Structure formats: structure tokens, C-alpha cells
Amino acid sequence: MTIEEEATASTNDRETPFAFGRNWASFLANLNEERIEAAEESLRRLLRRDDLEECRFLDAGSGSGLFSLAAHRLGAAVVSFDVDSESRACTERVKSQYGDNAENWQVLSGSLLDQDFLDTLGQFDVVYCWGVAHHTGDMWTAIANLCRHVKPGGSLVLAIYNDQLYVSRTWLIVKRIYQRLPAFARPLYVCAIGSAAFANRFAVTLVACCLRLLTLRNPFVPLLNWARETQARGMHGWYDLVDWVGGWPFEVARPEEIFRFVRDRGFVLQEMTTSIGHGCNEFSFARDPEQ
């Protein structure tokens, strides 16, 4: 049985999706100008442009609303949607507090798997789906649906969990345990998993520092790289960890699988950042103007 089949079987076995919106609501208590600016910079880097003036931007699975806000600040007309009511409430809160309830920013209820809903939205210059499709329970259908809503010449931004084969199967077990724990025990479980992951990363980084020192190179580079990773995109380490440990449903893909799937639908890869560990592989595709 593949990891996708195991995830589907487990979901059908009365396991409920992770409460992403509740986690995002806690994250918003830590939202500040520095995190918003980091999110804006992330969009500029991925899309290779300084602003989004005169663009329609679709935030597919808006979560906290941070990247909808970043796109709004960069000049886009934004449509945000999420299947989770608490996530939508977070996006509405961000829109109200930081986006001045802009008329060119809509927040809707909808699913990546609902093609009828998506058809009502039309096409967009940028379709942004970060870390969402792999939590739908039908990742490939979700990605195919999104491809149809990118304008010719427009961009599709995806982040999908990296497939680590048996390591991913281990994380599947970690997530299933989280699903079965009572609510009061879940933060302790997340702390335990996070501590183990931190210890592993610290050991690897320490070895890398020592090797660089022995070869007369700057020994602090591995530490600086680790620090940059934790600050990227304006997110928060704890809430990212909760999302990672608890996030359900759970699917993964190898980078080449995502590349081929989207390429075969008329897209050209513009940017890609791959993960050597349990993080997400990041992709920015451009749709062929002739398609």
C-alpha cells in the first residue's frame, strides 16, 4: 500500500482533518510588520517581480491570510478561499486589521477539490497554493484543478511535502498518533517530536561546523543557513511545527513528479527549491501563453 493509500484509508477510518484554522489563529498573535515584509519578499523571489500591480491573485487555501495580505500590499486584486471556517476567519481578521477591508480582496468558502466552485472564480495571473494541496486527501486532483485557473502567461506557485520514502512513512505514523491523542496531550507530543528533530538538526549542523573548521573555512555558515531557514516567509517556528506534526490528510511527492505533472499541463518551470529533509519542495511555474 502506498503512502497515499494509507493516508486515504486512515482518513476513512474516522480520523478527522487537522484543525489548521485554530493553529493559524494562535499564529496571528505573533504577526507583525517584519513577518509581513518577509512574506512580501518571498512572493517577489518566487515570482521574480517587484510588484503585483494589475494582477489577479488567487490564494488557494489561505490559512492565516498572511500571503493574501502580502499580495494585496504588492498591488494585486486578491481572492482568498479556504475550506476551513476558522482559517477563513483568520484571513478576514488579517484583511480587516492590516488590509483596511479592501474592496479588491475577497474571502470565500471553497475547496481545491470543488471544480464547480473554482469555475465561478475564473482565471488568475497568479495562483498561489502553499502547503495545501497535500492536505486535501486528493493532491493530484487539487493540482490539476488549479492548473486550469492560471491565465496563459500567468504563474502557479506550489509547495508540496517532499517524498522521503520510508522516512515519509514514519511521519505518517507520527501524524496518525497525533490524531489519536486527546487534545490535552497533543502539545506535549509536538514538543517531544520537535525536541527530537531539533537535536538531530543540531547534531548535523555541529558536525558541518567542525568539518568546515578543519578545512579552514568559515565554521559559522551552517548555523547562519539554519537561522535563515527559520526566518523565511515570515512564519513562526512553533506553529509550523504544530502544522507539520498534526497536519492531516498527508500526501507527498518527489520533485520530478510535480514537475512532470504540471509541465504536461502546459507549464514551464521558473523556480524550484528542493528539500533534503521533511520540508516542502517549492515550485513556481509559468503557463505557456499559447495554451
Protein backbone atom coordinates (compact mmCIF):
# COMPACT_ATOMS: atom_id res chain seq x y z
CA MET A 1 0.00 0.00 0.00
CA THR A 2 1.38 3.43 -0.97
CA ILE A 3 1.60 6.31 1.48
CA GLU A 4 -1.32 7.98 -0.34
CA GLU A 5 -3.46 4.84 0.01
CA GLU A 6 -2.55 4.56 3.68
CA ALA A 7 -3.50 8.19 4.25
CA THR A 8 -6.84 7.72 2.48
CA ALA A 9 -7.59 4.53 4.40
CA SER A 10 -6.73 6.18 7.69
CA THR A 11 -8.86 9.23 6.86
CA ASN A 12 -11.79 6.96 6.09
CA ASP A 13 -11.20 5.28 9.46
CA ARG A 14 -12.93 8.21 11.20
CA GLU A 15 -9.81 10.32 11.58
CA THR A 16 -10.65 13.99 11.27
CA PRO A 17 -8.64 16.65 9.40
CA PHE A 18 -6.21 18.72 11.45
CA ALA A 19 -7.62 22.00 12.83
CA PHE A 20 -5.44 24.27 10.71
CA GLY A 21 -7.51 27.36 11.45
CA ARG A 22 -7.13 27.01 15.19
CA ASN A 23 -3.36 26.86 14.75
CA TRP A 24 -3.39 29.91 12.45
CA ALA A 25 -5.45 31.88 14.97
CA SER A 26 -2.67 31.37 17.52
CA PHE A 27 -0.07 32.36 14.93
CA LEU A 28 -1.78 35.70 14.30
CA ALA A 29 -0.96 36.78 17.85
CA ASN A 30 2.66 36.89 16.63
CA LEU A 31 2.02 38.63 13.33
CA ASN A 32 4.00 41.82 12.91
CA GLU A 33 5.40 44.08 10.22
CA GLU A 34 8.65 42.11 10.00
CA ARG A 35 6.79 38.87 9.21
CA ILE A 36 4.58 40.63 6.65
CA GLU A 37 7.62 42.11 4.89
CA ALA A 38 9.26 38.65 4.83
CA ALA A 39 6.13 37.24 3.19
CA GLU A 40 6.21 40.01 0.57
CA GLU A 41 9.86 39.28 -0.16
CA SER A 42 9.07 35.58 -0.52
CA LEU A 43 6.48 36.38 -3.21
CA ARG A 44 8.86 38.70 -5.04
CA ARG A 45 11.52 35.99 -5.07
CA LEU A 46 9.25 33.20 -6.24
CA LEU A 47 7.52 35.27 -8.92
CA ARG A 48 10.65 37.16 -9.96
CA ARG A 49 8.88 40.52 -9.98
CA ASP A 50 8.87 43.60 -7.76
CA ASP A 51 5.11 44.08 -7.51
CA LEU A 52 1.76 42.58 -8.47
CA GLU A 53 0.10 45.70 -9.87
CA GLU A 54 -2.83 44.92 -12.21
CA CYS A 55 -2.69 41.21 -11.26
CA ARG A 56 -5.44 38.91 -10.05
CA PHE A 57 -4.04 36.73 -7.25
CA LEU A 58 -5.72 33.54 -6.01
CA ASP A 59 -4.69 32.34 -2.55
CA ALA A 60 -5.92 28.75 -2.71
CA GLY A 61 -6.17 27.61 0.91
CA SER A 62 -5.44 30.97 2.51
CA GLY A 63 -4.85 29.71 6.07
CA SER A 64 -3.70 32.64 8.19
CA GLY A 65 -4.22 35.13 5.35
CA LEU A 66 -0.59 36.30 5.56
CA PHE A 67 0.18 35.73 1.89
CA SER A 68 -3.13 37.17 0.76
CA LEU A 69 -2.09 40.29 2.66
CA ALA A 70 1.38 40.23 1.10
CA ALA A 71 -0.14 40.02 -2.40
CA HIS A 72 -2.57 42.83 -1.55
CA ARG A 73 0.28 45.04 -0.38
CA LEU A 74 2.16 44.30 -3.59
CA GLY A 75 -0.79 45.68 -5.55
CA ALA A 76 -2.85 42.61 -6.52
CA ALA A 77 -6.60 42.15 -6.55
CA VAL A 78 -6.89 39.15 -4.23
CA VAL A 79 -9.32 36.24 -3.95
CA SER A 80 -8.71 34.10 -0.86
CA PHE A 81 -10.54 30.88 -0.11
CA ASP A 82 -10.34 28.06 2.37
CA VAL A 83 -12.47 25.03 3.20
CA ASP A 84 -11.88 25.55 6.93
CA SER A 85 -14.14 28.13 8.61
CA GLU A 86 -11.56 29.07 11.26
CA SER A 87 -8.94 29.68 8.58
CA ARG A 88 -11.37 31.93 6.72
CA ALA A 89 -11.97 33.82 9.96
CA CYS A 90 -8.21 34.32 10.28
CA THR A 91 -7.99 35.68 6.73
CA GLU A 92 -10.92 38.01 7.39
CA ARG A 93 -9.21 39.22 10.54
CA VAL A 94 -5.97 39.96 8.67
CA LYS A 95 -7.91 41.71 5.91
CA SER A 96 -9.71 43.88 8.46
CA GLN A 97 -6.69 44.64 10.63
CA TYR A 98 -3.97 45.09 8.02
CA GLY A 99 -5.76 45.37 4.67
CA ASP A 100 -8.29 48.10 5.54
CA ASN A 101 -11.13 45.82 4.38
CA ALA A 102 -10.04 46.44 0.80
CA GLU A 103 -12.81 46.11 -1.79
CA ASN A 104 -10.46 44.32 -4.19
CA TRP A 105 -9.85 41.49 -1.68
CA GLN A 106 -12.48 38.75 -1.38
CA VAL A 107 -12.52 35.96 1.21
CA LEU A 108 -14.60 32.94 0.19
CA SER A 109 -15.52 29.45 1.34
CA GLY A 110 -14.41 26.72 -1.04
CA SER A 111 -12.35 23.61 -1.69
CA LEU A 112 -9.50 22.85 -4.09
CA LEU A 113 -11.42 19.69 -5.00
CA ASP A 114 -14.64 21.53 -5.93
CA GLN A 115 -14.27 22.27 -9.63
CA ASP A 116 -17.73 23.87 -9.82
CA PHE A 117 -16.69 26.38 -7.16
CA LEU A 118 -13.37 27.07 -8.85
CA ASP A 119 -15.11 27.64 -12.19
CA THR A 120 -17.01 30.57 -10.64
CA LEU A 121 -13.70 32.32 -9.91
CA GLY A 122 -12.30 32.50 -13.44
CA GLN A 123 -8.59 32.67 -14.19
CA PHE A 124 -5.76 34.46 -12.41
CA ASP A 125 -2.38 35.97 -13.12
CA VAL A 126 -1.03 34.19 -10.03
CA VAL A 127 -2.42 31.05 -8.40
CA TYR A 128 -0.72 30.51 -5.04
CA CYS A 129 -1.16 27.22 -3.18
CA TRP A 130 1.44 26.82 -0.47
CA GLY A 131 1.39 23.62 1.58
CA VAL A 132 -2.32 22.99 0.97
CA ALA A 133 -2.83 20.51 -1.87
CA HIS A 134 -1.10 17.71 0.07
CA HIS A 135 -3.66 18.12 2.88
CA THR A 136 -6.77 17.69 0.70
CA GLY A 137 -6.72 13.89 0.54
CA ASP A 138 -6.58 14.05 -3.29
CA MET A 139 -3.46 16.07 -4.09
CA TRP A 140 -3.20 15.38 -7.82
CA THR A 141 -6.81 16.35 -8.49
CA ALA A 142 -6.28 19.54 -6.48
CA ILE A 143 -3.19 20.49 -8.53
CA ALA A 144 -4.92 19.67 -11.83
CA ASN A 145 -7.87 21.87 -10.82
CA LEU A 146 -5.57 24.77 -10.01
CA CYS A 147 -3.71 24.50 -13.32
CA ARG A 148 -6.93 25.23 -15.19
CA HIS A 149 -7.31 28.55 -13.41
CA VAL A 150 -3.97 30.11 -14.34
CA LYS A 151 -4.19 32.61 -17.19
CA PRO A 152 -1.97 32.00 -20.24
CA GLY A 153 1.32 33.60 -19.28
CA GLY A 154 0.37 33.51 -15.60
CA SER A 155 2.14 31.84 -12.67
CA LEU A 156 1.39 28.84 -10.47
CA VAL A 157 3.17 28.64 -7.10
CA LEU A 158 3.13 25.32 -5.24
CA ALA A 159 4.75 23.89 -2.13
CA ILE A 160 4.39 20.13 -1.67
CA TYR A 161 5.81 17.83 1.00
CA ASN A 162 8.97 16.06 -0.10
CA ASP A 163 8.70 12.29 -0.57
CA GLN A 164 11.38 10.63 1.58
CA LEU A 165 10.11 7.08 1.05
CA TYR A 166 10.36 5.22 4.36
CA VAL A 167 11.01 8.41 6.30
CA SER A 168 7.68 9.72 4.98
CA ARG A 169 6.04 6.50 6.17
CA THR A 170 7.47 7.20 9.63
CA TRP A 171 5.95 10.68 9.56
CA LEU A 172 2.66 9.13 8.53
CA ILE A 173 2.77 7.12 11.77
CA VAL A 174 3.71 10.25 13.74
CA LYS A 175 0.66 12.06 12.36
CA ARG A 176 -1.68 9.12 12.99
CA ILE A 177 -0.55 9.01 16.62
CA TYR A 178 -1.30 12.75 16.91
CA GLN A 179 -4.79 12.10 15.53
CA ARG A 180 -5.47 9.52 18.24
CA LEU A 181 -4.21 11.55 21.19
CA PRO A 182 -6.58 13.52 23.44
CA ALA A 183 -6.38 17.28 22.96
CA PHE A 184 -4.53 17.95 26.21
CA ALA A 185 -1.68 15.57 25.24
CA ARG A 186 -1.09 16.94 21.76
CA PRO A 187 1.12 19.95 22.71
CA LEU A 188 3.36 17.63 24.76
CA TYR A 189 3.61 15.26 21.81
CA VAL A 190 4.51 18.14 19.47
CA CYS A 191 7.21 19.25 21.95
CA ALA A 192 8.66 15.74 22.06
CA ILE A 193 8.75 15.43 18.26
CA GLY A 194 10.15 18.94 17.93
CA SER A 195 12.87 18.27 20.51
CA ALA A 196 13.95 15.13 18.68
CA ALA A 197 14.02 16.96 15.34
CA PHE A 198 15.95 19.87 16.90
CA ALA A 199 18.52 17.52 18.44
CA ASN A 200 19.03 15.79 15.11
CA ARG A 201 19.42 19.06 13.22
CA PHE A 202 21.74 20.47 15.89
CA ALA A 203 24.00 17.41 15.69
CA VAL A 204 24.17 17.57 11.89
CA THR A 205 24.87 21.31 11.97
CA LEU A 206 27.57 20.88 14.62
CA VAL A 207 29.33 18.24 12.52
CA ALA A 208 29.14 20.53 9.48
CA CYS A 209 30.65 23.40 11.51
CA CYS A 210 33.52 21.19 12.67
CA LEU A 211 34.23 19.94 9.15
CA ARG A 212 34.37 23.50 7.83
CA LEU A 213 36.71 24.48 10.67
CA LEU A 214 39.02 21.58 9.87
CA THR A 215 39.13 22.60 6.21
CA LEU A 216 39.88 26.25 7.13
CA ARG A 217 36.50 27.57 6.02
CA ASN A 218 34.02 29.76 7.88
CA PRO A 219 32.56 27.40 10.53
CA PHE A 220 29.51 29.59 11.16
CA VAL A 221 27.94 29.15 7.70
CA PRO A 222 25.83 26.07 8.67
CA LEU A 223 24.48 27.97 11.69
CA LEU A 224 23.63 31.00 9.56
CA ASN A 225 21.89 28.80 6.99
CA TRP A 226 19.79 27.23 9.75
CA ALA A 227 18.86 30.67 11.09
CA ARG A 228 17.80 31.86 7.62
CA GLU A 229 15.55 28.83 7.18
CA THR A 230 13.69 29.56 10.41
CA GLN A 231 13.10 33.20 9.38
CA ALA A 232 11.98 32.56 5.80
CA ARG A 233 8.48 33.54 4.60
CA GLY A 234 7.57 35.34 7.84
CA MET A 235 6.22 32.20 9.50
CA HIS A 236 6.64 31.08 13.13
CA GLY A 237 8.66 28.01 14.14
CA TRP A 238 6.24 26.66 16.75
CA TYR A 239 3.09 26.93 14.63
CA ASP A 240 4.90 25.46 11.64
CA LEU A 241 5.90 22.53 13.85
CA VAL A 242 2.33 22.00 15.09
CA ASP A 243 1.15 22.11 11.47
CA TRP A 244 3.81 19.59 10.44
CA VAL A 245 3.21 17.10 13.26
CA GLY A 246 -0.59 17.30 13.14
CA GLY A 247 -1.30 18.15 9.51
CA TRP A 248 -3.80 15.65 8.11
CA PRO A 249 -4.57 14.30 5.47
CA PHE A 250 -0.97 13.81 4.37
CA GLU A 251 0.47 13.20 0.90
CA VAL A 252 3.97 13.59 -0.53
CA ALA A 253 5.64 13.72 -3.94
CA ARG A 254 9.11 13.73 -5.44
CA PRO A 255 10.14 16.98 -7.16
CA GLU A 256 10.25 15.35 -10.58
CA GLU A 257 6.69 14.05 -10.15
CA ILE A 258 5.36 17.56 -9.56
CA PHE A 259 7.47 18.95 -12.41
CA ARG A 260 6.21 16.40 -14.95
CA PHE A 261 2.59 16.61 -13.83
CA VAL A 262 2.44 20.40 -14.17
CA ARG A 263 4.65 20.52 -17.28
CA ASP A 264 2.28 18.15 -19.07
CA ARG A 265 -0.49 20.69 -18.48
CA GLY A 266 1.29 23.41 -20.41
CA PHE A 267 3.60 24.98 -17.83
CA VAL A 268 7.29 25.86 -17.74
CA LEU A 269 9.28 25.66 -14.51
CA GLN A 270 10.67 29.06 -13.45
CA GLU A 271 11.92 28.49 -9.90
CA MET A 272 12.40 25.39 -7.75
CA THR A 273 13.81 24.89 -4.27
CA THR A 274 14.06 21.28 -3.14
CA SER A 275 14.21 19.95 0.39
CA ILE A 276 16.66 17.28 1.50
CA GLY A 277 14.54 16.60 4.57
CA HIS A 278 10.92 16.55 5.63
CA GLY A 279 10.04 20.06 4.40
CA CYS A 280 8.31 21.21 1.24
CA ASN A 281 9.66 21.40 -2.26
CA GLU A 282 8.83 24.84 -3.69
CA PHE A 283 7.85 25.45 -7.31
CA SER A 284 7.00 28.45 -9.45
CA PHE A 285 5.63 27.61 -12.91
CA ALA A 286 4.63 29.87 -15.81
CA ARG A 287 1.78 28.84 -18.08
CA ASP A 288 2.62 28.76 -21.78
CA PRO A 289 0.98 31.89 -23.31
CA GLU A 290 -0.19 29.75 -26.23
CA GLN A 291 -2.01 27.24 -24.01
